[in-house]
Amino acid sequence: MSGHSKWSTIKHKKGALDAKRGRIFTRLIREITVAARAGGGDLNGNARLRAAVAAAKEANMPADNITRAVKKGTGELEG
């Protein structure tokens, strides 16, 4: 019998999935911020931003994270 329990294995796999999801979200937030900085925060007038937001929604990113990234890119959010 190995030294790992069933629950430690499950916890490890969940942690790995959470880390992967975090890396995906970080990449998407960066893309949204750059697109908003380059072309403004208007989804209708900025095709790159529209595509980045669509990708974030497809990855099930929470809407408040998307909004925060757009505001950061347009300079409405400090920090």
C-alpha atoms as a PDB file:
ATOM      1  CA  MET A   1       0.000   0.000   0.000  1.00  0.00           C
ATOM      2  CA  SER A   2       1.330   3.398  -0.906  1.00  0.00           C
ATOM      3  CA  GLY A   3       1.698   6.231   1.553  1.00  0.00           C
ATOM      4  CA  HIS A   4      -0.932   8.352  -0.188  1.00  0.00           C
ATOM      5  CA  SER A   5      -4.568   8.214   0.669  1.00  0.00           C
ATOM      6  CA  LYS A   6      -7.377   8.447  -1.841  1.00  0.00           C
ATOM      7  CA  TRP A   7      -8.238  11.934  -0.567  1.00  0.00           C
ATOM      8  CA  SER A   8      -4.706  13.259  -0.924  1.00  0.00           C
ATOM      9  CA  THR A   9      -4.716  12.101  -4.555  1.00  0.00           C
ATOM     10  CA  ILE A  10      -8.052  13.805  -5.205  1.00  0.00           C
ATOM     11  CA  LYS A  11      -6.828  16.971  -3.476  1.00  0.00           C
ATOM     12  CA  HIS A  12      -3.655  16.957  -5.584  1.00  0.00           C
ATOM     13  CA  LYS A  13      -5.604  16.576  -8.845  1.00  0.00           C
ATOM     14  CA  LYS A  14      -8.015  19.366  -7.839  1.00  0.00           C
ATOM     15  CA  GLY A  15      -5.078  21.624  -7.038  1.00  0.00           C
ATOM     16  CA  ALA A  16      -3.508  20.924 -10.415  1.00  0.00           C
ATOM     17  CA  LEU A  17      -6.781  21.730 -12.193  1.00  0.00           C
ATOM     18  CA  ASP A  18      -7.186  24.948 -10.191  1.00  0.00           C
ATOM     19  CA  ALA A  19      -3.643  25.982 -11.097  1.00  0.00           C
ATOM     20  CA  LYS A  20      -4.299  25.313 -14.799  1.00  0.00           C
ATOM     21  CA  ARG A  21      -7.529  27.315 -14.635  1.00  0.00           C
ATOM     22  CA  GLY A  22      -5.648  30.154 -12.940  1.00  0.00           C
ATOM     23  CA  ARG A  23      -3.026  30.221 -15.705  1.00  0.00           C
ATOM     24  CA  ILE A  24      -5.771  30.306 -18.345  1.00  0.00           C
ATOM     25  CA  PHE A  25      -7.562  33.146 -16.540  1.00  0.00           C
ATOM     26  CA  THR A  26      -4.313  35.092 -16.156  1.00  0.00           C
ATOM     27  CA  ARG A  27      -3.630  34.826 -19.889  1.00  0.00           C
ATOM     28  CA  LEU A  28      -7.187  35.894 -20.753  1.00  0.00           C
ATOM     29  CA  ILE A  29      -7.109  38.844 -18.337  1.00  0.00           C
ATOM     30  CA  ARG A  30      -3.831  39.998 -19.890  1.00  0.00           C
ATOM     31  CA  GLU A  31      -5.327  39.777 -23.400  1.00  0.00           C
ATOM     32  CA  ILE A  32      -8.461  41.701 -22.366  1.00  0.00           C
ATOM     33  CA  THR A  33      -6.381  44.404 -20.677  1.00  0.00           C
ATOM     34  CA  VAL A  34      -4.083  44.829 -23.686  1.00  0.00           C
ATOM     35  CA  ALA A  35      -7.016  44.907 -26.121  1.00  0.00           C
ATOM     36  CA  ALA A  36      -8.843  47.510 -24.034  1.00  0.00           C
ATOM     37  CA  ARG A  37      -5.688  49.623 -23.780  1.00  0.00           C
ATOM     38  CA  ALA A  38      -5.074  49.460 -27.536  1.00  0.00           C
ATOM     39  CA  GLY A  39      -8.572  50.094 -28.827  1.00  0.00           C
ATOM     40  CA  GLY A  40     -10.691  51.397 -25.992  1.00  0.00           C
ATOM     41  CA  GLY A  41     -13.269  49.661 -23.840  1.00  0.00           C
ATOM     42  CA  ASP A  42     -16.124  49.661 -26.343  1.00  0.00           C
ATOM     43  CA  LEU A  43     -16.975  46.077 -27.338  1.00  0.00           C
ATOM     44  CA  ASN A  44     -18.786  47.185 -30.497  1.00  0.00           C
ATOM     45  CA  GLY A  45     -15.856  49.195 -31.828  1.00  0.00           C
ATOM     46  CA  ASN A  46     -13.012  46.934 -30.747  1.00  0.00           C
ATOM     47  CA  ALA A  47     -12.957  43.523 -32.447  1.00  0.00           C
ATOM     48  CA  ARG A  48      -9.890  42.334 -30.529  1.00  0.00           C
ATOM     49  CA  LEU A  49     -11.544  43.119 -27.201  1.00  0.00           C
ATOM     50  CA  ARG A  50     -14.767  41.447 -28.338  1.00  0.00           C
ATOM     51  CA  ALA A  51     -12.834  38.268 -29.224  1.00  0.00           C
ATOM     52  CA  ALA A  52     -10.944  38.296 -25.907  1.00  0.00           C
ATOM     53  CA  VAL A  53     -14.159  38.714 -23.908  1.00  0.00           C
ATOM     54  CA  ALA A  54     -15.801  35.911 -25.886  1.00  0.00           C
ATOM     55  CA  ALA A  55     -12.848  33.620 -25.106  1.00  0.00           C
ATOM     56  CA  ALA A  56     -13.097  34.523 -21.411  1.00  0.00           C
ATOM     57  CA  LYS A  57     -16.813  33.763 -21.351  1.00  0.00           C
ATOM     58  CA  GLU A  58     -16.165  30.452 -23.097  1.00  0.00           C
ATOM     59  CA  ALA A  59     -13.654  29.587 -20.354  1.00  0.00           C
ATOM     60  CA  ASN A  60     -16.363  30.366 -17.742  1.00  0.00           C
ATOM     61  CA  MET A  61     -14.527  33.339 -16.299  1.00  0.00           C
ATOM     62  CA  PRO A  62     -16.689  35.302 -13.843  1.00  0.00           C
ATOM     63  CA  ALA A  63     -18.180  38.488 -15.304  1.00  0.00           C
ATOM     64  CA  ASP A  64     -16.701  40.681 -12.567  1.00  0.00           C
ATOM     65  CA  ASN A  65     -13.182  39.560 -13.559  1.00  0.00           C
ATOM     66  CA  ILE A  66     -13.884  40.481 -17.173  1.00  0.00           C
ATOM     67  CA  THR A  67     -15.238  43.897 -16.185  1.00  0.00           C
ATOM     68  CA  ARG A  68     -12.250  44.538 -13.912  1.00  0.00           C
ATOM     69  CA  ALA A  69      -9.816  43.652 -16.735  1.00  0.00           C
ATOM     70  CA  VAL A  70     -11.553  46.017 -19.184  1.00  0.00           C
ATOM     71  CA  LYS A  71     -11.540  48.847 -16.642  1.00  0.00           C
ATOM     72  CA  LYS A  72      -7.872  48.238 -15.868  1.00  0.00           C
ATOM     73  CA  GLY A  73      -7.029  48.440 -19.572  1.00  0.00           C
ATOM     74  CA  THR A  74      -8.946  51.672 -20.103  1.00  0.00           C
ATOM     75  CA  GLY A  75      -7.469  53.281 -16.995  1.00  0.00           C
ATOM     76  CA  GLU A  76     -10.746  53.441 -15.057  1.00  0.00           C
ATOM     77  CA  LEU A  77      -9.357  51.087 -12.398  1.00  0.00           C
ATOM     78  CA  GLU A  78      -6.304  52.103 -10.450  1.00  0.00           C
ATOM     79  CA  GLY A  79      -3.745  49.442  -9.543  1.00  0.00           C
END
